[in-house]
């Protein structure tokens, strides 16, 4: 890190880490210089290669105009998971009936 550089990030408003096995998910609420809110979701996965530990990170940015659509999509997917857990035989049928044309 550069000496004298200000490490106080005023755009970070909230952070929540969720540990799940070898993965950790970070949910961060941030603001732009114009005070618009956005969320970053980061997946960090621990891996070992020849005894050396490293972390693979993947990040997505969610902007305020997409919050409602993202929530709807996530809630829909989670509801489908709950539905499929109750009917394991329908899992294959559900995946084979997906049409990529529906995705637009």
C-alpha atoms as a PDB file:
ATOM      1  CA  UNK A   1       0.000   0.000   0.000  1.00  0.00           C
ATOM      2  CA  UNK A   2       1.296   3.461  -0.771  1.00  0.00           C
ATOM      3  CA  UNK A   3       2.566   5.394   2.193  1.00  0.00           C
ATOM      4  CA  UNK A   4       0.391   8.322   3.146  1.00  0.00           C
ATOM      5  CA  UNK A   5      -2.555   7.110   1.090  1.00  0.00           C
ATOM      6  CA  UNK A   6      -5.911   7.617   2.822  1.00  0.00           C
ATOM      7  CA  UNK A   7      -7.392   4.159   3.422  1.00  0.00           C
ATOM      8  CA  UNK A   8     -10.644   5.467   4.937  1.00  0.00           C
ATOM      9  CA  UNK A   9     -13.204   4.547   2.295  1.00  0.00           C
ATOM     10  CA  UNK A  10     -16.144   6.861   2.778  1.00  0.00           C
ATOM     11  CA  UNK A  11     -18.125   5.084   0.034  1.00  0.00           C
ATOM     12  CA  UNK A  12     -18.405   1.886   2.149  1.00  0.00           C
ATOM     13  CA  UNK A  13     -21.626   2.105   4.159  1.00  0.00           C
ATOM     14  CA  UNK A  14     -22.297  -1.488   5.233  1.00  0.00           C
ATOM     15  CA  UNK A  15     -20.676  -4.882   4.910  1.00  0.00           C
ATOM     16  CA  UNK A  16     -21.890  -8.377   5.773  1.00  0.00           C
ATOM     17  CA  UNK A  17     -19.813 -11.541   5.338  1.00  0.00           C
ATOM     18  CA  UNK A  18     -21.511 -14.931   5.045  1.00  0.00           C
ATOM     19  CA  UNK A  19     -19.270 -17.975   5.377  1.00  0.00           C
ATOM     20  CA  UNK A  20     -20.370 -21.124   3.571  1.00  0.00           C
ATOM     21  CA  UNK A  21     -17.811 -23.931   3.519  1.00  0.00           C
ATOM     22  CA  UNK A  22     -14.841 -22.951   1.356  1.00  0.00           C
ATOM     23  CA  UNK A  23     -16.681 -19.872   0.135  1.00  0.00           C
ATOM     24  CA  UNK A  24     -17.354 -16.530   1.736  1.00  0.00           C
ATOM     25  CA  UNK A  25     -19.918 -14.130   0.321  1.00  0.00           C
ATOM     26  CA  UNK A  26     -19.538 -10.418   0.994  1.00  0.00           C
ATOM     27  CA  UNK A  27     -22.529  -8.109   0.650  1.00  0.00           C
ATOM     28  CA  UNK A  28     -21.384  -4.495   0.614  1.00  0.00           C
ATOM     29  CA  UNK A  29     -23.541  -1.375   0.390  1.00  0.00           C
ATOM     30  CA  UNK A  30     -21.656   1.554  -1.106  1.00  0.00           C
ATOM     31  CA  UNK A  31     -22.345   5.008  -2.413  1.00  0.00           C
ATOM     32  CA  UNK A  32     -21.045   6.921  -5.396  1.00  0.00           C
ATOM     33  CA  UNK A  33     -19.685  10.450  -5.193  1.00  0.00           C
ATOM     34  CA  UNK A  34     -23.215  11.547  -6.165  1.00  0.00           C
ATOM     35  CA  UNK A  35     -24.643   9.644  -3.142  1.00  0.00           C
ATOM     36  CA  UNK A  36     -26.328   6.962  -5.264  1.00  0.00           C
ATOM     37  CA  UNK A  37     -26.407   3.596  -3.515  1.00  0.00           C
ATOM     38  CA  UNK A  38     -25.224   0.349  -5.048  1.00  0.00           C
ATOM     39  CA  UNK A  39     -24.410  -3.143  -3.791  1.00  0.00           C
ATOM     40  CA  UNK A  40     -21.453  -5.362  -4.537  1.00  0.00           C
ATOM     41  CA  UNK A  41     -21.706  -9.112  -3.998  1.00  0.00           C
ATOM     42  CA  UNK A  42     -18.320 -10.822  -3.855  1.00  0.00           C
ATOM     43  CA  UNK A  43     -17.731 -14.562  -3.764  1.00  0.00           C
ATOM     44  CA  UNK A  44     -14.332 -15.497  -2.352  1.00  0.00           C
ATOM     45  CA  UNK A  45     -13.300 -19.137  -2.649  1.00  0.00           C
ATOM     46  CA  UNK A  46     -10.275 -20.554  -0.886  1.00  0.00           C
ATOM     47  CA  UNK A  47      -8.148 -22.945  -2.906  1.00  0.00           C
ATOM     48  CA  UNK A  48      -4.844 -24.703  -2.347  1.00  0.00           C
ATOM     49  CA  UNK A  49      -2.305 -25.402  -5.084  1.00  0.00           C
ATOM     50  CA  UNK A  50       0.969 -27.147  -4.181  1.00  0.00           C
ATOM     51  CA  UNK A  51       0.500 -26.170  -0.545  1.00  0.00           C
ATOM     52  CA  UNK A  52      -0.055 -22.495  -1.361  1.00  0.00           C
ATOM     53  CA  UNK A  53      -3.339 -20.953  -0.328  1.00  0.00           C
ATOM     54  CA  UNK A  54      -4.996 -18.531  -2.708  1.00  0.00           C
ATOM     55  CA  UNK A  55      -8.405 -16.969  -3.078  1.00  0.00           C
ATOM     56  CA  UNK A  56     -10.476 -16.697  -6.235  1.00  0.00           C
ATOM     57  CA  UNK A  57     -12.838 -13.732  -6.208  1.00  0.00           C
ATOM     58  CA  UNK A  58     -15.846 -12.958  -8.355  1.00  0.00           C
ATOM     59  CA  UNK A  59     -17.785  -9.733  -7.964  1.00  0.00           C
ATOM     60  CA  UNK A  60     -21.057  -8.390  -9.287  1.00  0.00           C
ATOM     61  CA  UNK A  61     -22.336  -4.843  -9.008  1.00  0.00           C
ATOM     62  CA  UNK A  62     -26.022  -4.121  -8.443  1.00  0.00           C
ATOM     63  CA  UNK A  63     -27.176  -0.603  -9.160  1.00  0.00           C
ATOM     64  CA  UNK A  64     -30.217   1.007  -7.544  1.00  0.00           C
ATOM     65  CA  UNK A  65     -32.297   0.848 -10.726  1.00  0.00           C
ATOM     66  CA  UNK A  66     -31.840  -2.946 -10.741  1.00  0.00           C
ATOM     67  CA  UNK A  67     -32.548  -3.705  -7.047  1.00  0.00           C
ATOM     68  CA  UNK A  68     -36.227  -4.615  -7.510  1.00  0.00           C
ATOM     69  CA  UNK A  69     -35.645  -6.821 -10.578  1.00  0.00           C
ATOM     70  CA  UNK A  70     -32.726  -8.573  -8.892  1.00  0.00           C
ATOM     71  CA  UNK A  71     -34.818  -9.202  -5.771  1.00  0.00           C
ATOM     72  CA  UNK A  72     -37.682 -10.575  -7.887  1.00  0.00           C
ATOM     73  CA  UNK A  73     -35.331 -12.899  -9.764  1.00  0.00           C
ATOM     74  CA  UNK A  74     -33.648 -14.140  -6.591  1.00  0.00           C
ATOM     75  CA  UNK A  75     -36.961 -14.676  -4.783  1.00  0.00           C
ATOM     76  CA  UNK A  76     -38.316 -16.546  -7.813  1.00  0.00           C
ATOM     77  CA  UNK A  77     -35.243 -18.795  -7.952  1.00  0.00           C
ATOM     78  CA  UNK A  78     -35.373 -19.493  -4.200  1.00  0.00           C
ATOM     79  CA  UNK A  79     -39.087 -20.314  -4.406  1.00  0.00           C
ATOM     80  CA  UNK A  80     -38.310 -22.754  -7.227  1.00  0.00           C
ATOM     81  CA  UNK A  81     -35.595 -24.398  -5.107  1.00  0.00           C
ATOM     82  CA  UNK A  82     -38.112 -24.873  -2.286  1.00  0.00           C
ATOM     83  CA  UNK A  83     -40.634 -26.319  -4.740  1.00  0.00           C
ATOM     84  CA  UNK A  84     -38.090 -28.718  -6.241  1.00  0.00           C
ATOM     85  CA  UNK A  85     -36.873 -29.903  -2.838  1.00  0.00           C
ATOM     86  CA  UNK A  86     -40.389 -31.178  -2.195  1.00  0.00           C
ATOM     87  CA  UNK A  87     -40.595 -32.984  -5.544  1.00  0.00           C
ATOM     88  CA  UNK A  88     -37.169 -34.450  -6.470  1.00  0.00           C
ATOM     89  CA  UNK A  89     -38.522 -36.215  -9.574  1.00  0.00           C
ATOM     90  CA  UNK A  90     -39.392 -32.860 -11.153  1.00  0.00           C
ATOM     91  CA  UNK A  91     -35.796 -31.594 -11.156  1.00  0.00           C
ATOM     92  CA  UNK A  92     -34.848 -33.206 -14.474  1.00  0.00           C
ATOM     93  CA  UNK A  93     -38.095 -32.098 -16.076  1.00  0.00           C
ATOM     94  CA  UNK A  94     -37.623 -28.520 -14.874  1.00  0.00           C
ATOM     95  CA  UNK A  95     -34.131 -28.253 -16.358  1.00  0.00           C
ATOM     96  CA  UNK A  96     -35.018 -29.831 -19.678  1.00  0.00           C
ATOM     97  CA  UNK A  97     -37.982 -27.501 -20.178  1.00  0.00           C
ATOM     98  CA  UNK A  98     -35.862 -24.322 -20.111  1.00  0.00           C
ATOM     99  CA  UNK A  99     -35.931 -22.337 -23.353  1.00  0.00           C
ATOM    100  CA  UNK A 100     -33.140 -19.855 -23.965  1.00  0.00           C
ATOM    101  CA  UNK A 101     -35.484 -17.902 -26.222  1.00  0.00           C
ATOM    102  CA  UNK A 102     -37.413 -16.989 -23.063  1.00  0.00           C
ATOM    103  CA  UNK A 103     -34.366 -15.135 -21.762  1.00  0.00           C
ATOM    104  CA  UNK A 104     -34.617 -12.601 -24.561  1.00  0.00           C
END
